[in-house]
């Protein structure tokens, strides 16, 4: 069911049986409750409700206190964090500095972590417990954005730091300090949470919360209208106007689009690359995607404005870089690539492919807003330059594992500037792949340039904000000019909910259930 009729949209909505229970329909299926297992918005969307970090981000990713009430740079290689007093884990155990130390030590040791969190602690060489409420992080050189990076490292009990990921999934180790307690996790089905009555922050308004996984966008909307769920994320853009016209529904959109949607291109193989052939299916003796002319042709053959207007229906911004305008490291010299199919054809001819190519674009279905429709639009645009593109869609759980086994050559991906500056996305999406350091965790095409790596590393050791941003901009220009990946747009997440609820959408795409509130006035 792709579209809902006006009759269905205007139908009455079943109201929840209890104002103290909340059911959330989410489009992405979390793979684990382990907060250090998968550096993915999918998992963090649920985990953020159970576990806290030293610092937090507000709705527009400004850094604010969380478990740490304050922090300071003691010297160029030492950050000190002061913990709030009186915070307890869900089982009543007090939070101490030892829990923080154990959590940071655990991050690089999680077995088989497909996208580790090591990128956020790459410079941390030691975590010292000074006293019960004071911890110091000793770094290899200056790390000016460590408090920003701390947002991503959720704190677990020291007693559970050696627990396996499965122990978190069963609940044995899923004991945090967050507003909600773990109840159950059924992979592919959903997650059940309960109120943490001893929460240190504002008391959550819900006794029970159910996250229901509904991967199909139209099905999520149908569940909302039927009253099966009360709020949904990742609202399909083609249903937005109809939902907005329904006086029983409230629609909210994040103020800022941070999730950078791109196409990753295999740049690691010199010889044949999977799912890329000559125009008649003939095996090629070399990888066309390593040729800058081919990458540029594929990029400028995409009409990004048309995709934003017709496919995304305004809930995205066409872009040529990984940062939003105003973000630290956003580079004004980089514009949106000009749509130019004629030049794209000439570039393919110059590269030795006058008759084009045959390729497959691999994509998730429902993980990103309109992901399947976006790649279908791109495939049609590429036809104009002689590139015959087929589409293969997969659920995220299958897609992620195959991406990391390097089974694809052209694939959709995303990364978000969760630290509020470009150093993290540069390292993640353009940095040379290195699991030990966390570099390149989202660099699925395996682009590699030591000069860019050195620039990002140099920026990490510059305390002056203006000087650091200058180096980051230079790195962004280098990676963009080499088309490390093909930029598409910055996605804005949209939520829809029953009119008696309200939520201020977050730029990090997270659904924080403690911030979903019931409102008395349900009329417009």
Protein backbone atom coordinates (compact mmCIF):
# COMPACT_ATOMS: atom_id res chain seq x y z
CA UNK A 1 0.00 0.00 0.00
CA UNK A 2 1.84 3.10 -1.24
CA UNK A 3 -0.84 5.71 -0.73
CA UNK A 4 -3.66 6.18 1.71
CA UNK A 5 -6.97 7.58 0.66
CA UNK A 6 -8.33 10.79 2.06
CA UNK A 7 -11.12 8.78 3.65
CA UNK A 8 -8.64 6.68 5.60
CA UNK A 9 -6.70 9.72 6.67
CA UNK A 10 -9.78 11.43 7.99
CA UNK A 11 -11.04 8.38 9.81
CA UNK A 12 -11.29 8.46 13.57
CA UNK A 13 -8.23 7.44 15.54
CA UNK A 14 -8.39 4.90 18.33
CA UNK A 15 -7.02 6.50 21.48
CA UNK A 16 -4.63 4.69 23.81
CA UNK A 17 -6.18 2.63 26.57
CA UNK A 18 -3.89 4.21 29.15
CA UNK A 19 -2.38 7.66 29.11
CA UNK A 20 0.62 6.12 30.89
CA UNK A 21 1.51 3.79 28.02
CA UNK A 22 3.12 4.81 24.76
CA UNK A 23 3.54 2.81 21.57
CA UNK A 24 6.12 4.05 19.04
CA UNK A 25 6.31 2.82 15.44
CA UNK A 26 9.89 2.93 14.19
CA UNK A 27 11.12 2.27 10.69
CA UNK A 28 14.55 0.89 11.57
CA UNK A 29 15.13 -2.39 13.38
CA UNK A 30 17.79 -2.16 16.11
CA UNK A 31 20.26 -5.02 16.00
CA UNK A 32 21.26 -4.87 19.66
CA UNK A 33 20.71 -3.19 23.02
CA UNK A 34 24.48 -3.16 23.64
CA UNK A 35 25.30 0.59 23.57
CA UNK A 36 28.84 -0.06 22.31
CA UNK A 37 28.09 -2.62 19.60
CA UNK A 38 26.92 -0.70 16.53
CA UNK A 39 27.60 2.97 15.88
CA UNK A 40 24.32 3.45 14.07
CA UNK A 41 21.32 5.78 14.47
CA UNK A 42 19.15 2.67 14.33
CA UNK A 43 20.51 1.25 17.57
CA UNK A 44 21.07 4.60 19.25
CA UNK A 45 17.41 5.48 18.70
CA UNK A 46 16.44 2.93 21.37
CA UNK A 47 19.63 2.77 23.44
CA UNK A 48 19.50 6.52 24.21
CA UNK A 49 16.39 5.90 26.32
CA UNK A 50 18.13 3.31 28.53
CA UNK A 51 21.71 4.56 28.91
CA UNK A 52 23.11 8.06 29.49
CA UNK A 53 26.46 9.54 28.50
CA UNK A 54 28.71 12.05 30.27
CA UNK A 55 27.44 14.81 27.99
CA UNK A 56 24.38 15.13 25.78
CA UNK A 57 23.22 17.03 22.71
CA UNK A 58 20.19 19.28 22.59
CA UNK A 59 17.74 19.33 19.68
CA UNK A 60 20.25 21.07 17.41
CA UNK A 61 23.29 19.13 18.74
CA UNK A 62 24.55 21.80 21.08
CA UNK A 63 26.53 20.08 23.87
CA UNK A 64 24.92 20.12 27.34
CA UNK A 65 25.63 18.39 30.70
CA UNK A 66 24.29 14.92 31.39
CA UNK A 67 25.91 12.47 33.84
CA UNK A 68 28.75 14.97 34.06
CA UNK A 69 27.65 18.27 35.54
CA UNK A 70 30.84 20.01 34.38
CA UNK A 71 34.11 19.44 32.56
CA UNK A 72 37.35 21.33 32.01
CA UNK A 73 40.60 21.06 30.10
CA UNK A 74 43.25 20.66 32.81
CA UNK A 75 46.12 20.74 30.31
CA UNK A 76 46.66 19.91 26.65
CA UNK A 77 46.34 16.17 27.30
CA UNK A 78 43.89 16.00 30.22
CA UNK A 79 40.13 16.49 30.38
CA UNK A 80 38.41 16.32 33.76
CA UNK A 81 34.72 15.45 34.18
CA UNK A 82 32.77 15.96 37.41
CA UNK A 83 29.84 13.58 37.85
CA UNK A 84 26.52 14.59 39.32
CA UNK A 85 25.94 13.31 42.84
CA UNK A 86 23.18 10.84 43.64
CA UNK A 87 22.70 9.19 40.23
CA UNK A 88 21.78 5.52 40.39
CA UNK A 89 21.59 2.70 37.88
CA UNK A 90 18.27 0.96 37.32
CA UNK A 91 19.12 -1.68 39.93
CA UNK A 92 19.84 0.98 42.58
CA UNK A 93 23.63 0.83 42.33
CA UNK A 94 25.22 4.31 42.59
CA UNK A 95 26.98 5.70 39.53
CA UNK A 96 30.70 6.26 40.16
CA UNK A 97 33.76 7.30 38.20
CA UNK A 98 34.76 3.63 37.99
CA UNK A 99 31.68 2.97 35.83
CA UNK A 100 32.85 5.67 33.45
CA UNK A 101 36.37 4.23 33.30
CA UNK A 102 35.08 0.71 32.68
CA UNK A 103 32.72 1.88 29.93
CA UNK A 104 35.49 3.64 28.01
CA UNK A 105 37.80 0.67 28.40
CA UNK A 106 35.05 -1.60 27.07
CA UNK A 107 34.40 0.28 23.81
CA UNK A 108 37.31 -1.12 21.74
CA UNK A 109 36.90 -4.61 23.21
CA UNK A 110 33.35 -5.42 22.04
CA UNK A 111 33.73 -8.58 19.91
CA UNK A 112 32.64 -8.43 16.27
CA UNK A 113 31.36 -4.86 16.52
CA UNK A 114 30.44 -4.06 12.89
CA UNK A 115 30.74 -0.29 13.33
CA UNK A 116 32.66 0.34 16.55
CA UNK A 117 32.55 3.51 18.63
CA UNK A 118 36.34 3.72 18.73
CA UNK A 119 36.34 6.78 16.48
CA UNK A 120 35.07 8.83 19.46
CA UNK A 121 37.85 7.72 21.83
CA UNK A 122 40.72 7.45 19.38
CA UNK A 123 42.91 9.88 21.35
CA UNK A 124 41.99 8.61 24.82
CA UNK A 125 44.93 6.56 26.10
CA UNK A 126 43.92 6.33 29.76
CA UNK A 127 40.91 7.02 31.98
CA UNK A 128 41.84 7.79 35.58
CA UNK A 129 39.53 7.66 38.57
CA UNK A 130 40.40 10.61 40.81
CA UNK A 131 37.60 10.10 43.31
CA UNK A 132 34.05 8.72 43.34
CA UNK A 133 32.71 11.61 41.25
CA UNK A 134 35.76 12.73 39.31
CA UNK A 135 37.32 11.13 36.24
CA UNK A 136 40.18 12.34 34.08
CA UNK A 137 40.81 11.33 30.49
CA UNK A 138 44.42 11.39 29.37
CA UNK A 139 44.80 11.83 25.62
CA UNK A 140 47.50 11.34 23.02
CA UNK A 141 47.84 15.02 22.22
CA UNK A 142 45.16 17.66 22.37
CA UNK A 143 41.57 16.57 21.74
CA UNK A 144 39.60 19.84 21.66
CA UNK A 145 36.21 18.18 21.04
CA UNK A 146 36.34 15.34 23.56
CA UNK A 147 33.22 16.63 25.41
CA UNK A 148 31.38 16.57 22.05
CA UNK A 149 32.55 13.02 21.38
CA UNK A 150 31.55 11.93 24.88
CA UNK A 151 27.89 12.24 23.83
CA UNK A 152 28.30 9.01 21.88
CA UNK A 153 29.77 6.84 24.68
CA UNK A 154 26.96 5.48 26.86
CA UNK A 155 27.87 4.50 30.39
CA UNK A 156 27.30 0.94 31.61
CA UNK A 157 27.91 -0.57 35.03
CA UNK A 158 31.51 -1.50 35.74
CA UNK A 159 30.22 -4.87 36.95
CA UNK A 160 28.75 -5.48 33.47
CA UNK A 161 31.64 -4.09 31.42
CA UNK A 162 32.86 -7.60 30.56
CA UNK A 163 29.39 -8.76 29.53
CA UNK A 164 28.81 -10.09 26.03
CA UNK A 165 26.50 -8.30 23.62
CA UNK A 166 23.97 -11.12 24.04
CA UNK A 167 23.78 -10.32 27.76
CA UNK A 168 22.60 -6.82 26.88
CA UNK A 169 20.05 -8.19 24.41
CA UNK A 170 18.55 -10.50 27.03
CA UNK A 171 18.53 -7.74 29.65
CA UNK A 172 21.10 -9.32 31.94
CA UNK A 173 23.52 -6.44 31.37
CA UNK A 174 21.12 -3.78 30.02
CA UNK A 175 21.19 -1.72 33.22
CA UNK A 176 21.64 1.97 32.62
CA UNK A 177 20.88 5.30 34.27
CA UNK A 178 18.44 6.55 31.62
CA UNK A 179 14.77 7.51 31.97
CA UNK A 180 13.54 4.08 30.86
CA UNK A 181 14.41 0.56 32.06
CA UNK A 182 14.89 -2.41 29.77
CA UNK A 183 12.08 -5.00 29.78
CA UNK A 184 12.53 -7.06 26.60
CA UNK A 185 14.04 -7.07 23.13
CA UNK A 186 12.70 -9.19 20.28
CA UNK A 187 14.89 -8.74 17.18
CA UNK A 188 12.86 -7.65 14.19
CA UNK A 189 9.74 -7.16 16.30
CA UNK A 190 10.30 -4.57 18.99
CA UNK A 191 11.57 -3.38 22.36
CA UNK A 192 9.67 -2.97 25.62
CA UNK A 193 10.71 -0.41 28.24
CA UNK A 194 9.41 0.70 31.64
CA UNK A 195 9.70 3.92 33.60
CA UNK A 196 12.81 4.48 35.72
CA UNK A 197 11.13 5.87 38.82
CA UNK A 198 14.47 6.97 40.27
CA UNK A 199 15.62 8.84 37.19
CA UNK A 200 17.95 11.72 38.04
CA UNK A 201 16.45 14.09 35.45
CA UNK A 202 12.91 15.16 34.64
CA UNK A 203 10.62 12.18 35.38
CA UNK A 204 9.53 10.41 32.20
CA UNK A 205 5.76 10.71 31.58
CA UNK A 206 5.25 7.06 30.57
CA UNK A 207 4.98 3.94 32.70
CA UNK A 208 5.49 1.67 29.71
CA UNK A 209 6.86 2.24 26.24
CA UNK A 210 6.77 -0.14 23.29
CA UNK A 211 8.96 0.35 20.24
CA UNK A 212 7.29 -1.51 17.37
CA UNK A 213 9.36 -2.16 14.27
CA UNK A 214 7.31 -1.36 11.15
CA UNK A 215 9.77 -1.08 8.30
CA UNK A 216 7.30 -0.17 5.57
CA UNK A 217 6.49 3.54 5.65
CA UNK A 218 2.88 3.28 4.51
CA UNK A 219 2.29 0.52 7.05
CA UNK A 220 3.66 2.77 9.82
CA UNK A 221 1.23 5.50 8.83
CA UNK A 222 -1.64 3.01 8.72
CA UNK A 223 -0.73 1.78 12.20
CA UNK A 224 -0.74 5.37 13.46
CA UNK A 225 -4.16 6.09 11.98
CA UNK A 226 -5.59 2.84 13.33
CA UNK A 227 -4.37 3.67 16.83
CA UNK A 228 -2.00 0.69 16.96
CA UNK A 229 0.82 3.14 17.66
CA UNK A 230 0.66 6.74 18.86
CA UNK A 231 3.77 8.18 17.22
CA UNK A 232 5.94 7.17 14.27
CA UNK A 233 9.30 8.26 12.92
CA UNK A 234 10.65 8.41 9.36
CA UNK A 235 7.34 9.59 7.92
CA UNK A 236 7.22 8.90 4.16
CA UNK A 237 7.38 12.27 2.44
CA UNK A 238 4.70 11.33 -0.10
CA UNK A 239 2.18 11.05 2.76
CA UNK A 240 3.17 14.22 4.59
CA UNK A 241 0.70 16.59 2.97
CA UNK A 242 -2.18 14.23 3.66
CA UNK A 243 -1.13 13.75 7.28
CA UNK A 244 -0.77 17.49 7.77
CA UNK A 245 -4.32 17.99 6.57
CA UNK A 246 -5.65 15.54 9.16
CA UNK A 247 -6.79 17.47 12.25
CA UNK A 248 -6.24 14.39 14.44
CA UNK A 249 -2.53 14.22 13.57
CA UNK A 250 0.41 16.40 14.54
CA UNK A 251 3.51 16.44 12.30
CA UNK A 252 6.89 17.75 13.48
CA UNK A 253 10.18 18.01 11.60
CA UNK A 254 13.69 18.42 12.99
CA UNK A 255 14.94 21.99 12.78
CA UNK A 256 18.22 20.97 11.19
CA UNK A 257 19.06 18.20 8.74
CA UNK A 258 22.24 16.46 9.85
CA UNK A 259 22.01 13.05 8.22
CA UNK A 260 24.10 13.20 5.08
CA UNK A 261 22.80 10.77 2.45
CA UNK A 262 25.34 9.67 -0.12
CA UNK A 263 26.35 6.97 -2.58
CA UNK A 264 29.48 5.02 -1.67
CA UNK A 265 31.56 3.82 -4.62
CA UNK A 266 34.05 0.97 -4.49
CA UNK A 267 37.52 2.53 -4.81
CA UNK A 268 39.49 -0.34 -3.27
CA UNK A 269 39.64 -2.83 -6.14
CA UNK A 270 41.93 -2.26 -9.11
CA UNK A 271 40.49 -5.14 -11.10
CA UNK A 272 36.81 -6.02 -11.68
CA UNK A 273 34.38 -4.77 -9.08
CA UNK A 274 31.08 -6.53 -8.28
CA UNK A 275 27.89 -5.51 -10.11
CA UNK A 276 29.72 -3.21 -12.55
CA UNK A 277 30.19 -4.41 -16.14
CA UNK A 278 30.38 -3.14 -19.67
CA UNK A 279 27.11 -2.14 -21.38
CA UNK A 280 26.49 -5.70 -22.59
CA UNK A 281 27.37 -7.36 -19.30
CA UNK A 282 30.99 -8.02 -20.23
CA UNK A 283 33.49 -8.30 -17.38
CA UNK A 284 35.86 -5.33 -17.24
CA UNK A 285 39.57 -5.71 -16.64
CA UNK A 286 39.67 -2.71 -14.32
CA UNK A 287 37.41 -0.95 -11.87
CA UNK A 288 35.78 2.11 -13.54
CA UNK A 289 34.86 3.59 -10.15
CA UNK A 290 38.53 4.28 -9.39
CA UNK A 291 38.56 6.76 -12.27
CA UNK A 292 37.72 10.28 -11.08
CA UNK A 293 36.11 11.04 -14.44
CA UNK A 294 33.63 8.20 -13.96
CA UNK A 295 32.83 9.23 -10.40
CA UNK A 296 32.31 12.81 -11.50
CA UNK A 297 30.09 11.72 -14.39
CA UNK A 298 27.89 9.68 -12.08
CA UNK A 299 27.67 12.63 -9.68
CA UNK A 300 26.75 15.39 -12.13
CA UNK A 301 24.21 13.11 -13.84
CA UNK A 302 22.10 13.36 -10.66
CA UNK A 303 19.54 16.17 -10.46
CA UNK A 304 19.58 16.72 -6.70
CA UNK A 305 17.06 19.56 -6.74
CA UNK A 306 14.54 17.34 -8.49
CA UNK A 307 15.06 14.58 -5.94
CA UNK A 308 14.58 16.98 -3.02
CA UNK A 309 11.44 18.52 -4.54
CA UNK A 310 9.74 15.50 -6.09
CA UNK A 311 10.96 12.54 -4.08
CA UNK A 312 11.78 14.03 -0.67
CA UNK A 313 9.01 16.65 -0.93
CA UNK A 314 11.00 19.28 0.90
CA UNK A 315 12.18 17.30 3.96
CA UNK A 316 15.78 17.40 2.74
CA UNK A 317 18.33 19.91 1.45
CA UNK A 318 20.37 19.26 -1.68
CA UNK A 319 24.05 19.33 -0.81
CA UNK A 320 27.57 18.91 -2.10
CA UNK A 321 29.17 18.27 1.29
CA UNK A 322 28.68 16.43 4.56
CA UNK A 323 27.96 19.43 6.78
CA UNK A 324 24.87 21.66 6.97
CA UNK A 325 25.22 25.39 6.46
CA UNK A 326 26.32 26.88 9.77
CA UNK A 327 27.98 23.72 11.08
CA UNK A 328 31.64 23.88 12.14
CA UNK A 329 33.57 22.92 9.03
CA UNK A 330 30.82 23.76 6.55
CA UNK A 331 32.66 25.05 3.50
CA UNK A 332 31.05 27.86 1.47
CA UNK A 333 33.28 27.15 -1.53
CA UNK A 334 31.55 23.79 -2.03
CA UNK A 335 28.24 24.14 -3.82
CA UNK A 336 25.66 21.61 -4.91
CA UNK A 337 27.07 19.76 -7.96
CA UNK A 338 25.60 21.17 -11.16
CA UNK A 339 23.33 18.78 -13.04
CA UNK A 340 25.01 18.32 -16.44
CA UNK A 341 24.23 15.04 -18.27
CA UNK A 342 25.98 16.17 -21.46
CA UNK A 343 29.27 16.76 -19.65
CA UNK A 344 28.76 13.46 -17.84
CA UNK A 345 28.57 11.63 -21.19
CA UNK A 346 31.79 13.28 -22.37
CA UNK A 347 33.56 12.32 -19.15
CA UNK A 348 32.53 8.67 -19.58
CA UNK A 349 33.82 8.75 -23.16
CA UNK A 350 37.12 10.30 -22.06
CA UNK A 351 37.44 7.57 -19.41
CA UNK A 352 37.06 4.88 -22.09
CA UNK A 353 33.36 4.05 -21.70
CA UNK A 354 31.68 5.71 -24.71
CA UNK A 355 28.86 3.14 -24.66
CA UNK A 356 28.29 3.47 -20.93
CA UNK A 357 28.20 0.86 -18.18
CA UNK A 358 25.84 -1.56 -16.53
CA UNK A 359 25.64 -1.29 -12.73
CA UNK A 360 23.55 -2.27 -9.72
CA UNK A 361 22.74 0.24 -6.98
CA UNK A 362 22.24 -1.51 -3.65
CA UNK A 363 20.00 0.18 -1.13
CA UNK A 364 18.17 -0.29 2.10
CA UNK A 365 14.39 -0.24 2.08
CA UNK A 366 12.98 2.04 4.75
CA UNK A 367 16.15 2.82 6.68
CA UNK A 368 16.46 6.32 5.23
CA UNK A 369 13.52 8.47 4.21
CA UNK A 370 12.42 7.35 0.73
CA UNK A 371 15.70 5.50 0.19
CA UNK A 372 14.25 3.12 -2.40
CA UNK A 373 12.58 5.94 -4.32
CA UNK A 374 15.79 8.01 -4.25
CA UNK A 375 17.91 5.26 -5.83
CA UNK A 376 15.18 4.54 -8.38
CA UNK A 377 15.25 8.22 -9.41
CA UNK A 378 19.04 8.10 -9.68
CA UNK A 379 18.87 4.97 -11.84
CA UNK A 380 16.53 6.77 -14.26
CA UNK A 381 18.84 9.80 -14.40
CA UNK A 382 21.85 7.63 -15.11
CA UNK A 383 20.07 6.09 -18.07
CA UNK A 384 20.44 9.46 -19.82
CA UNK A 385 24.23 9.10 -19.83
CA UNK A 386 24.27 5.46 -20.92
CA UNK A 387 24.60 3.88 -17.49
CA UNK A 388 22.05 1.08 -17.18
CA UNK A 389 21.31 0.82 -13.47
CA UNK A 390 19.27 -1.85 -11.75
CA UNK A 391 18.19 -1.64 -8.11
CA UNK A 392 18.50 -4.23 -5.36
CA UNK A 393 16.72 -3.43 -2.08
CA UNK A 394 17.40 -5.18 1.21
CA UNK A 395 16.45 -4.84 4.89
CA UNK A 396 19.07 -3.11 6.99
CA UNK A 397 20.11 -6.22 8.92
CA UNK A 398 21.11 -8.00 5.70
CA UNK A 399 22.39 -4.89 3.95
CA UNK A 400 24.75 -3.84 6.76
CA UNK A 401 26.52 -7.19 6.98
CA UNK A 402 26.97 -7.43 3.21
CA UNK A 403 28.26 -3.86 2.99
CA UNK A 404 30.92 -4.61 5.58
CA UNK A 405 31.92 -7.75 3.66
CA UNK A 406 32.47 -5.45 0.65
CA UNK A 407 30.05 -7.35 -1.56
CA UNK A 408 28.72 -4.23 -3.30
CA UNK A 409 30.21 -1.52 -5.50
CA UNK A 410 27.58 1.25 -5.49
CA UNK A 411 25.52 1.58 -2.34
CA UNK A 412 23.50 4.14 -0.45
CA UNK A 413 24.79 5.26 2.93
CA UNK A 414 24.49 7.97 5.54
CA UNK A 415 26.51 9.66 8.25
CA UNK A 416 25.60 12.47 10.65
CA UNK A 417 27.72 15.21 12.22
CA UNK A 418 26.80 14.15 15.74
CA UNK A 419 29.77 15.98 17.30
CA UNK A 420 28.58 19.28 15.70
CA UNK A 421 31.74 19.69 13.61
CA UNK A 422 33.11 18.05 10.48
CA UNK A 423 36.11 16.24 11.99
CA UNK A 424 34.00 13.22 12.90
CA UNK A 425 32.24 12.85 9.53
CA UNK A 426 35.49 13.39 7.65
CA UNK A 427 37.11 10.59 9.64
CA UNK A 428 34.08 8.32 9.39
CA UNK A 429 33.11 8.73 5.73
CA UNK A 430 36.36 9.82 4.04
CA UNK A 431 39.10 8.63 6.40
CA UNK A 432 41.17 5.58 5.46
CA UNK A 433 39.48 2.46 6.80
CA UNK A 434 41.10 1.34 10.06
CA UNK A 435 38.92 -0.62 12.52
CA UNK A 436 41.47 -0.23 15.33
CA UNK A 437 41.16 3.56 15.36
CA UNK A 438 37.58 3.76 14.13
CA UNK A 439 38.60 5.68 11.02
CA UNK A 440 36.52 5.00 7.93
CA UNK A 441 33.70 3.22 9.74
CA UNK A 442 31.22 4.66 7.19
CA UNK A 443 33.74 4.77 4.34
CA UNK A 444 32.11 1.80 2.62
CA UNK A 445 33.80 2.50 -0.72
CA UNK A 446 37.24 2.43 0.94
CA UNK A 447 38.42 5.75 -0.51
CA UNK A 448 41.87 6.50 0.92
CA UNK A 449 44.04 9.60 0.80
CA UNK A 450 46.90 9.96 3.35
CA UNK A 451 46.91 13.73 2.80
CA UNK A 452 43.29 14.00 3.92
CA UNK A 453 43.96 11.71 6.89
CA UNK A 454 46.86 13.94 7.92
CA UNK A 455 44.73 17.08 7.65
CA UNK A 456 42.02 15.63 9.88
CA UNK A 457 44.62 14.45 12.37
CA UNK A 458 46.29 17.87 12.38
CA UNK A 459 42.94 19.58 12.99
CA UNK A 460 42.36 17.30 15.98
CA UNK A 461 45.43 18.82 17.63
CA UNK A 462 44.51 22.49 17.11
CA UNK A 463 42.90 24.15 20.12
CA UNK A 464 42.00 27.40 18.35
CA UNK A 465 38.52 26.94 16.86
CA UNK A 466 39.06 29.20 13.85
CA UNK A 467 42.38 27.61 12.93
CA UNK A 468 40.95 24.12 13.34
CA UNK A 469 37.99 24.96 11.12
CA UNK A 470 40.32 26.25 8.39
CA UNK A 471 42.12 22.89 8.24
CA UNK A 472 38.84 20.98 8.32
CA UNK A 473 37.55 23.01 5.39
CA UNK A 474 40.68 22.21 3.41
CA UNK A 475 40.13 18.51 4.08
CA UNK A 476 36.48 18.78 3.04
CA UNK A 477 37.46 20.46 -0.24
CA UNK A 478 40.05 17.75 -0.95
CA UNK A 479 37.69 14.84 -0.30
CA UNK A 480 34.85 16.50 -2.19
CA UNK A 481 37.00 17.28 -5.23
CA UNK A 482 38.13 13.67 -5.37
CA UNK A 483 34.51 12.50 -4.95
CA UNK A 484 35.29 10.24 -2.01
CA UNK A 485 31.55 9.58 -2.15
CA UNK A 486 28.69 11.08 -4.14
CA UNK A 487 26.72 13.63 -2.07
CA UNK A 488 22.94 13.57 -2.38
CA UNK A 489 21.13 15.51 0.34
CA UNK A 490 20.84 16.30 4.04
CA UNK A 491 17.79 14.49 5.37
CA UNK A 492 15.42 16.00 7.92
CA UNK A 493 13.61 13.47 10.04
CA UNK A 494 9.86 13.92 10.49
CA UNK A 495 7.60 12.42 13.14
CA UNK A 496 3.81 12.09 13.10
CA UNK A 497 1.73 11.53 16.22
CA UNK A 498 -1.76 11.69 17.62
CA UNK A 499 -2.87 15.23 18.24
CA UNK A 500 -2.85 14.79 22.02
CA UNK A 501 0.93 14.31 21.93
CA UNK A 502 3.79 16.66 21.14
CA UNK A 503 7.49 16.17 20.50
CA UNK A 504 10.21 18.54 19.47
CA UNK A 505 12.04 16.73 16.68
CA UNK A 506 15.74 16.17 17.17
CA UNK A 507 18.41 16.77 14.55
CA UNK A 508 20.14 13.54 15.58
CA UNK A 509 16.95 11.66 14.56
CA UNK A 510 16.51 10.11 18.02
CA UNK A 511 13.10 9.48 19.51
CA UNK A 512 13.57 10.35 23.18
CA UNK A 513 10.39 9.05 24.76
CA UNK A 514 10.86 11.06 27.95
CA UNK A 515 10.45 14.18 25.80
CA UNK A 516 7.19 13.06 24.20
CA UNK A 517 4.50 14.81 26.19
CA UNK A 518 0.72 14.64 26.38
CA UNK A 519 -1.06 17.93 25.73
CA UNK A 520 -4.50 18.92 26.95
CA UNK A 521 -5.65 20.87 23.91
CA UNK A 522 -5.98 18.53 20.92
CA UNK A 523 -7.51 21.08 18.54
CA UNK A 524 -5.57 23.12 16.03
